[in-house]
């Protein structure tokens, strides 16, 4: 076999695997986005009232200098649902991987400032990823029916994970920051594929589970 023939076959293989990868990427994204259409809301008046909402975490600040607009708008959306009587209790789930970084605590503090009583907020400190937050909502916090709160680009993935876990979930889209970097939307295309691989190929579980916790609504 000549070197030319060897490289030709290698290029064919690279092309074939790349094509399969692209087809899978677009198929997964199409499926998740299509599935979410009937479960996602942008207006408070139109969303069904549910007892518990899962608020997905994100960092409170950008470079420690100013408040992250994704965080601000997510908390604003959560408070709007509470004050409209669409949610009675929040499960705020995020990363608390070290003592200096605590997304659930930051979310609770912000929600309290927006008029939500602390008694209506439960913190999940092990929501290291979206998959962890959603799975733990059922396995640890025993929630079968929830409203998920995040930005519109993020909610389809969370809803898909919820459905795969047997959770009856709908979602409320927080506003997208007007001046924010759109790269987060493009990264989400890959994140959706990653979630699909975690669910159906790797069978990835949350990093931390533990004893069940009751949410008092």
C-alpha atoms as a PDB file:
ATOM      1  CA  UNK A   1       0.000   0.000   0.000  1.00  0.00           C
ATOM      2  CA  UNK A   2       1.459   3.347  -1.043  1.00  0.00           C
ATOM      3  CA  UNK A   3       1.717   6.273   1.351  1.00  0.00           C
ATOM      4  CA  UNK A   4      -0.730   8.150  -0.880  1.00  0.00           C
ATOM      5  CA  UNK A   5      -3.356   5.399  -0.568  1.00  0.00           C
ATOM      6  CA  UNK A   6      -2.854   5.257   3.208  1.00  0.00           C
ATOM      7  CA  UNK A   7      -3.427   8.999   3.603  1.00  0.00           C
ATOM      8  CA  UNK A   8      -6.391   8.889   1.242  1.00  0.00           C
ATOM      9  CA  UNK A   9      -8.130   6.268   3.410  1.00  0.00           C
ATOM     10  CA  UNK A  10      -7.313   8.254   6.533  1.00  0.00           C
ATOM     11  CA  UNK A  11      -8.850  11.380   5.031  1.00  0.00           C
ATOM     12  CA  UNK A  12     -11.967   9.418   4.079  1.00  0.00           C
ATOM     13  CA  UNK A  13     -12.288   8.169   7.662  1.00  0.00           C
ATOM     14  CA  UNK A  14     -11.838  11.674   9.075  1.00  0.00           C
ATOM     15  CA  UNK A  15     -14.462  12.999   6.670  1.00  0.00           C
ATOM     16  CA  UNK A  16     -16.906  10.172   7.487  1.00  0.00           C
ATOM     17  CA  UNK A  17     -16.584  10.621  11.257  1.00  0.00           C
ATOM     18  CA  UNK A  18     -16.844  14.403  10.924  1.00  0.00           C
ATOM     19  CA  UNK A  19     -20.008  14.048   8.863  1.00  0.00           C
ATOM     20  CA  UNK A  20     -21.528  11.646  11.388  1.00  0.00           C
ATOM     21  CA  UNK A  21     -20.616  14.047  14.176  1.00  0.00           C
ATOM     22  CA  UNK A  22     -22.247  16.984  12.412  1.00  0.00           C
ATOM     23  CA  UNK A  23     -25.394  15.012  11.667  1.00  0.00           C
ATOM     24  CA  UNK A  24     -25.611  13.945  15.300  1.00  0.00           C
ATOM     25  CA  UNK A  25     -24.965  17.497  16.504  1.00  0.00           C
ATOM     26  CA  UNK A  26     -27.749  18.989  14.406  1.00  0.00           C
ATOM     27  CA  UNK A  27     -30.144  16.094  15.075  1.00  0.00           C
ATOM     28  CA  UNK A  28     -29.771  16.344  18.846  1.00  0.00           C
ATOM     29  CA  UNK A  29     -30.164  20.126  18.810  1.00  0.00           C
ATOM     30  CA  UNK A  30     -33.217  19.926  16.581  1.00  0.00           C
ATOM     31  CA  UNK A  31     -34.814  17.303  18.831  1.00  0.00           C
ATOM     32  CA  UNK A  32     -34.195  19.264  22.024  1.00  0.00           C
ATOM     33  CA  UNK A  33     -35.359  22.578  20.620  1.00  0.00           C
ATOM     34  CA  UNK A  34     -38.473  21.034  19.061  1.00  0.00           C
ATOM     35  CA  UNK A  35     -39.372  19.177  22.249  1.00  0.00           C
ATOM     36  CA  UNK A  36     -39.044  22.345  24.346  1.00  0.00           C
ATOM     37  CA  UNK A  37     -41.394  24.514  22.261  1.00  0.00           C
ATOM     38  CA  UNK A  38     -44.578  23.362  23.963  1.00  0.00           C
ATOM     39  CA  UNK A  39     -43.012  23.448  27.440  1.00  0.00           C
ATOM     40  CA  UNK A  40     -41.356  26.879  27.426  1.00  0.00           C
ATOM     41  CA  UNK A  41     -42.912  30.219  28.375  1.00  0.00           C
ATOM     42  CA  UNK A  42     -41.826  33.844  28.120  1.00  0.00           C
ATOM     43  CA  UNK A  43     -44.861  35.523  29.700  1.00  0.00           C
ATOM     44  CA  UNK A  44     -45.748  35.205  33.379  1.00  0.00           C
ATOM     45  CA  UNK A  45     -49.473  35.350  32.672  1.00  0.00           C
ATOM     46  CA  UNK A  46     -49.370  32.287  30.419  1.00  0.00           C
ATOM     47  CA  UNK A  47     -47.309  29.853  32.470  1.00  0.00           C
ATOM     48  CA  UNK A  48     -48.999  27.234  34.626  1.00  0.00           C
ATOM     49  CA  UNK A  49     -48.665  27.687  38.392  1.00  0.00           C
ATOM     50  CA  UNK A  50     -46.555  25.051  40.104  1.00  0.00           C
ATOM     51  CA  UNK A  51     -45.421  24.676  43.685  1.00  0.00           C
ATOM     52  CA  UNK A  52     -41.650  24.342  43.141  1.00  0.00           C
ATOM     53  CA  UNK A  53     -39.291  25.958  40.657  1.00  0.00           C
ATOM     54  CA  UNK A  54     -35.727  24.865  40.002  1.00  0.00           C
ATOM     55  CA  UNK A  55     -33.488  27.891  39.426  1.00  0.00           C
ATOM     56  CA  UNK A  56     -30.311  26.897  37.596  1.00  0.00           C
ATOM     57  CA  UNK A  57     -27.160  28.510  38.889  1.00  0.00           C
ATOM     58  CA  UNK A  58     -24.591  30.755  37.283  1.00  0.00           C
ATOM     59  CA  UNK A  59     -21.865  32.988  38.665  1.00  0.00           C
ATOM     60  CA  UNK A  60     -23.033  36.179  40.365  1.00  0.00           C
ATOM     61  CA  UNK A  61     -20.197  38.362  39.072  1.00  0.00           C
ATOM     62  CA  UNK A  62     -18.039  38.724  35.976  1.00  0.00           C
ATOM     63  CA  UNK A  63     -14.343  38.791  36.831  1.00  0.00           C
ATOM     64  CA  UNK A  64     -15.366  39.805  40.345  1.00  0.00           C
ATOM     65  CA  UNK A  65     -16.060  43.335  39.104  1.00  0.00           C
ATOM     66  CA  UNK A  66     -19.754  43.623  38.214  1.00  0.00           C
ATOM     67  CA  UNK A  67     -22.894  41.544  38.469  1.00  0.00           C
ATOM     68  CA  UNK A  68     -23.351  38.920  35.786  1.00  0.00           C
ATOM     69  CA  UNK A  69     -26.415  39.966  33.726  1.00  0.00           C
ATOM     70  CA  UNK A  70     -27.383  36.318  33.188  1.00  0.00           C
ATOM     71  CA  UNK A  71     -27.541  35.944  36.971  1.00  0.00           C
ATOM     72  CA  UNK A  72     -29.461  39.206  37.491  1.00  0.00           C
ATOM     73  CA  UNK A  73     -32.070  38.462  34.861  1.00  0.00           C
ATOM     74  CA  UNK A  74     -32.475  34.873  36.020  1.00  0.00           C
ATOM     75  CA  UNK A  75     -33.186  35.999  39.573  1.00  0.00           C
ATOM     76  CA  UNK A  76     -35.522  38.730  38.304  1.00  0.00           C
ATOM     77  CA  UNK A  77     -37.501  36.124  36.354  1.00  0.00           C
ATOM     78  CA  UNK A  78     -37.748  33.889  39.413  1.00  0.00           C
ATOM     79  CA  UNK A  79     -38.987  36.752  41.595  1.00  0.00           C
ATOM     80  CA  UNK A  80     -41.584  37.681  38.962  1.00  0.00           C
ATOM     81  CA  UNK A  81     -43.038  34.181  39.053  1.00  0.00           C
ATOM     82  CA  UNK A  82     -43.164  34.209  42.844  1.00  0.00           C
ATOM     83  CA  UNK A  83     -44.896  37.568  43.119  1.00  0.00           C
ATOM     84  CA  UNK A  84     -47.399  36.538  40.438  1.00  0.00           C
ATOM     85  CA  UNK A  85     -48.319  33.451  42.448  1.00  0.00           C
ATOM     86  CA  UNK A  86     -46.924  31.083  39.825  1.00  0.00           C
ATOM     87  CA  UNK A  87     -44.361  29.506  42.182  1.00  0.00           C
ATOM     88  CA  UNK A  88     -44.488  28.906  45.942  1.00  0.00           C
ATOM     89  CA  UNK A  89     -40.968  27.643  46.596  1.00  0.00           C
ATOM     90  CA  UNK A  90     -37.569  27.759  44.919  1.00  0.00           C
ATOM     91  CA  UNK A  91     -34.862  25.123  44.740  1.00  0.00           C
ATOM     92  CA  UNK A  92     -31.746  27.136  43.854  1.00  0.00           C
ATOM     93  CA  UNK A  93     -29.112  24.770  42.537  1.00  0.00           C
ATOM     94  CA  UNK A  94     -25.535  25.632  41.691  1.00  0.00           C
ATOM     95  CA  UNK A  95     -21.839  25.187  42.257  1.00  0.00           C
ATOM     96  CA  UNK A  96     -20.302  25.428  45.713  1.00  0.00           C
ATOM     97  CA  UNK A  97     -17.054  23.629  44.930  1.00  0.00           C
ATOM     98  CA  UNK A  98     -14.968  25.827  47.232  1.00  0.00           C
ATOM     99  CA  UNK A  99     -15.487  28.180  50.190  1.00  0.00           C
ATOM    100  CA  UNK A 100     -15.075  31.306  48.066  1.00  0.00           C
ATOM    101  CA  UNK A 101     -17.625  30.366  45.415  1.00  0.00           C
ATOM    102  CA  UNK A 102     -21.240  29.706  46.370  1.00  0.00           C
ATOM    103  CA  UNK A 103     -23.877  30.068  43.658  1.00  0.00           C
ATOM    104  CA  UNK A 104     -26.864  28.839  45.763  1.00  0.00           C
ATOM    105  CA  UNK A 105     -26.093  31.301  48.563  1.00  0.00           C
ATOM    106  CA  UNK A 106     -25.745  34.146  46.061  1.00  0.00           C
ATOM    107  CA  UNK A 107     -29.055  33.225  44.456  1.00  0.00           C
ATOM    108  CA  UNK A 108     -30.851  33.114  47.786  1.00  0.00           C
ATOM    109  CA  UNK A 109     -29.440  36.501  48.821  1.00  0.00           C
ATOM    110  CA  UNK A 110     -30.520  38.071  45.544  1.00  0.00           C
ATOM    111  CA  UNK A 111     -34.009  36.576  45.683  1.00  0.00           C
ATOM    112  CA  UNK A 112     -34.484  37.811  49.243  1.00  0.00           C
ATOM    113  CA  UNK A 113     -33.521  41.304  48.076  1.00  0.00           C
ATOM    114  CA  UNK A 114     -36.186  40.954  45.391  1.00  0.00           C
ATOM    115  CA  UNK A 115     -38.846  40.229  47.989  1.00  0.00           C
ATOM    116  CA  UNK A 116     -38.852  36.432  48.161  1.00  0.00           C
ATOM    117  CA  UNK A 117     -38.877  35.196  51.771  1.00  0.00           C
ATOM    118  CA  UNK A 118     -35.900  33.053  52.781  1.00  0.00           C
ATOM    119  CA  UNK A 119     -38.345  30.413  54.017  1.00  0.00           C
ATOM    120  CA  UNK A 120     -39.446  29.904  50.395  1.00  0.00           C
ATOM    121  CA  UNK A 121     -35.937  29.011  49.231  1.00  0.00           C
ATOM    122  CA  UNK A 122     -34.062  25.708  49.492  1.00  0.00           C
ATOM    123  CA  UNK A 123     -30.397  25.557  48.460  1.00  0.00           C
ATOM    124  CA  UNK A 124     -28.754  22.715  46.570  1.00  0.00           C
ATOM    125  CA  UNK A 125     -24.998  23.097  46.895  1.00  0.00           C
ATOM    126  CA  UNK A 126     -24.105  20.213  44.554  1.00  0.00           C
ATOM    127  CA  UNK A 127     -25.580  21.480  41.292  1.00  0.00           C
ATOM    128  CA  UNK A 128     -22.209  21.376  39.580  1.00  0.00           C
ATOM    129  CA  UNK A 129     -23.772  20.948  36.136  1.00  0.00           C
ATOM    130  CA  UNK A 130     -27.229  21.212  34.648  1.00  0.00           C
ATOM    131  CA  UNK A 131     -27.525  17.433  34.685  1.00  0.00           C
ATOM    132  CA  UNK A 132     -26.617  17.324  38.375  1.00  0.00           C
ATOM    133  CA  UNK A 133     -29.150  20.037  39.253  1.00  0.00           C
ATOM    134  CA  UNK A 134     -32.029  18.380  37.408  1.00  0.00           C
ATOM    135  CA  UNK A 135     -31.342  14.816  38.511  1.00  0.00           C
ATOM    136  CA  UNK A 136     -30.830  15.885  42.124  1.00  0.00           C
ATOM    137  CA  UNK A 137     -34.139  17.782  42.045  1.00  0.00           C
ATOM    138  CA  UNK A 138     -35.836  14.395  41.745  1.00  0.00           C
ATOM    139  CA  UNK A 139     -33.514  11.981  43.516  1.00  0.00           C
ATOM    140  CA  UNK A 140     -32.526  14.165  46.468  1.00  0.00           C
ATOM    141  CA  UNK A 141     -35.276  16.791  46.750  1.00  0.00           C
ATOM    142  CA  UNK A 142     -38.075  14.419  45.622  1.00  0.00           C
ATOM    143  CA  UNK A 143     -39.617  16.730  43.043  1.00  0.00           C
ATOM    144  CA  UNK A 144     -41.713  15.145  40.297  1.00  0.00           C
ATOM    145  CA  UNK A 145     -43.263  18.308  38.844  1.00  0.00           C
ATOM    146  CA  UNK A 146     -41.259  21.539  38.515  1.00  0.00           C
ATOM    147  CA  UNK A 147     -40.806  24.796  36.681  1.00  0.00           C
ATOM    148  CA  UNK A 148     -37.246  25.335  35.448  1.00  0.00           C
ATOM    149  CA  UNK A 149     -35.899  28.888  35.340  1.00  0.00           C
ATOM    150  CA  UNK A 150     -32.971  29.916  33.156  1.00  0.00           C
ATOM    151  CA  UNK A 151     -32.332  31.717  29.880  1.00  0.00           C
ATOM    152  CA  UNK A 152     -34.073  30.498  26.737  1.00  0.00           C
ATOM    153  CA  UNK A 153     -30.944  28.997  25.175  1.00  0.00           C
ATOM    154  CA  UNK A 154     -30.363  26.865  28.301  1.00  0.00           C
ATOM    155  CA  UNK A 155     -33.865  25.642  29.110  1.00  0.00           C
ATOM    156  CA  UNK A 156     -34.267  23.125  26.237  1.00  0.00           C
ATOM    157  CA  UNK A 157     -31.318  21.092  27.522  1.00  0.00           C
ATOM    158  CA  UNK A 158     -32.619  21.183  31.093  1.00  0.00           C
ATOM    159  CA  UNK A 159     -36.101  20.156  29.932  1.00  0.00           C
ATOM    160  CA  UNK A 160     -34.685  17.257  27.941  1.00  0.00           C
ATOM    161  CA  UNK A 161     -32.746  16.002  30.963  1.00  0.00           C
ATOM    162  CA  UNK A 162     -35.866  16.359  33.105  1.00  0.00           C
ATOM    163  CA  UNK A 163     -37.921  14.343  30.638  1.00  0.00           C
ATOM    164  CA  UNK A 164     -35.257  11.630  30.511  1.00  0.00           C
ATOM    165  CA  UNK A 165     -35.422  11.445  34.321  1.00  0.00           C
ATOM    166  CA  UNK A 166     -39.197  11.169  34.411  1.00  0.00           C
ATOM    167  CA  UNK A 167     -39.796  14.695  35.721  1.00  0.00           C
ATOM    168  CA  UNK A 168     -42.855  16.636  34.567  1.00  0.00           C
ATOM    169  CA  UNK A 169     -41.177  19.969  33.791  1.00  0.00           C
ATOM    170  CA  UNK A 170     -41.992  23.247  32.109  1.00  0.00           C
ATOM    171  CA  UNK A 171     -39.647  26.229  31.803  1.00  0.00           C
ATOM    172  CA  UNK A 172     -39.725  29.991  32.086  1.00  0.00           C
ATOM    173  CA  UNK A 173     -37.261  31.920  29.954  1.00  0.00           C
ATOM    174  CA  UNK A 174     -35.405  34.710  31.689  1.00  0.00           C
ATOM    175  CA  UNK A 175     -34.439  37.593  29.414  1.00  0.00           C
ATOM    176  CA  UNK A 176     -31.186  37.349  27.480  1.00  0.00           C
ATOM    177  CA  UNK A 177     -28.786  40.228  28.287  1.00  0.00           C
ATOM    178  CA  UNK A 178     -28.906  42.763  25.472  1.00  0.00           C
ATOM    179  CA  UNK A 179     -25.178  43.444  25.398  1.00  0.00           C
ATOM    180  CA  UNK A 180     -23.919  39.987  26.308  1.00  0.00           C
ATOM    181  CA  UNK A 181     -21.572  37.848  24.260  1.00  0.00           C
ATOM    182  CA  UNK A 182     -23.537  35.543  21.961  1.00  0.00           C
ATOM    183  CA  UNK A 183     -20.836  32.860  22.239  1.00  0.00           C
ATOM    184  CA  UNK A 184     -22.807  31.272  25.072  1.00  0.00           C
ATOM    185  CA  UNK A 185     -25.521  30.382  22.574  1.00  0.00           C
ATOM    186  CA  UNK A 186     -23.066  28.712  20.213  1.00  0.00           C
ATOM    187  CA  UNK A 187     -21.450  26.767  23.070  1.00  0.00           C
ATOM    188  CA  UNK A 188     -24.898  25.517  24.015  1.00  0.00           C
ATOM    189  CA  UNK A 189     -25.091  23.567  20.745  1.00  0.00           C
ATOM    190  CA  UNK A 190     -22.177  21.435  21.935  1.00  0.00           C
ATOM    191  CA  UNK A 191     -23.535  21.295  25.498  1.00  0.00           C
ATOM    192  CA  UNK A 192     -26.777  19.764  24.215  1.00  0.00           C
ATOM    193  CA  UNK A 193     -24.845  17.066  22.406  1.00  0.00           C
ATOM    194  CA  UNK A 194     -22.793  16.500  25.552  1.00  0.00           C
ATOM    195  CA  UNK A 195     -25.976  16.064  27.601  1.00  0.00           C
ATOM    196  CA  UNK A 196     -27.296  13.532  25.082  1.00  0.00           C
ATOM    197  CA  UNK A 197     -24.056  11.550  25.310  1.00  0.00           C
ATOM    198  CA  UNK A 198     -24.187  11.690  29.119  1.00  0.00           C
ATOM    199  CA  UNK A 199     -27.766  10.432  29.193  1.00  0.00           C
ATOM    200  CA  UNK A 200     -27.816   7.763  26.517  1.00  0.00           C
ATOM    201  CA  UNK A 201     -24.231   6.592  26.026  1.00  0.00           C
ATOM    202  CA  UNK A 202     -22.251   7.186  29.212  1.00  0.00           C
ATOM    203  CA  UNK A 203     -25.107   7.034  31.703  1.00  0.00           C
ATOM    204  CA  UNK A 204     -23.484   9.830  33.691  1.00  0.00           C
ATOM    205  CA  UNK A 205     -24.783  10.364  37.222  1.00  0.00           C
ATOM    206  CA  UNK A 206     -24.443  13.473  39.406  1.00  0.00           C
ATOM    207  CA  UNK A 207     -21.089  13.763  41.134  1.00  0.00           C
ATOM    208  CA  UNK A 208     -22.816  13.923  44.510  1.00  0.00           C
ATOM    209  CA  UNK A 209     -26.057  12.350  45.658  1.00  0.00           C
ATOM    210  CA  UNK A 210     -26.740  11.520  49.320  1.00  0.00           C
ATOM    211  CA  UNK A 211     -29.792  11.387  51.580  1.00  0.00           C
ATOM    212  CA  UNK A 212     -33.167  12.677  50.500  1.00  0.00           C
ATOM    213  CA  UNK A 213     -34.229  16.139  51.642  1.00  0.00           C
ATOM    214  CA  UNK A 214     -37.816  17.290  52.152  1.00  0.00           C
ATOM    215  CA  UNK A 215     -38.890  20.628  50.706  1.00  0.00           C
ATOM    216  CA  UNK A 216     -41.533  22.277  52.858  1.00  0.00           C
ATOM    217  CA  UNK A 217     -43.878  24.268  50.618  1.00  0.00           C
END
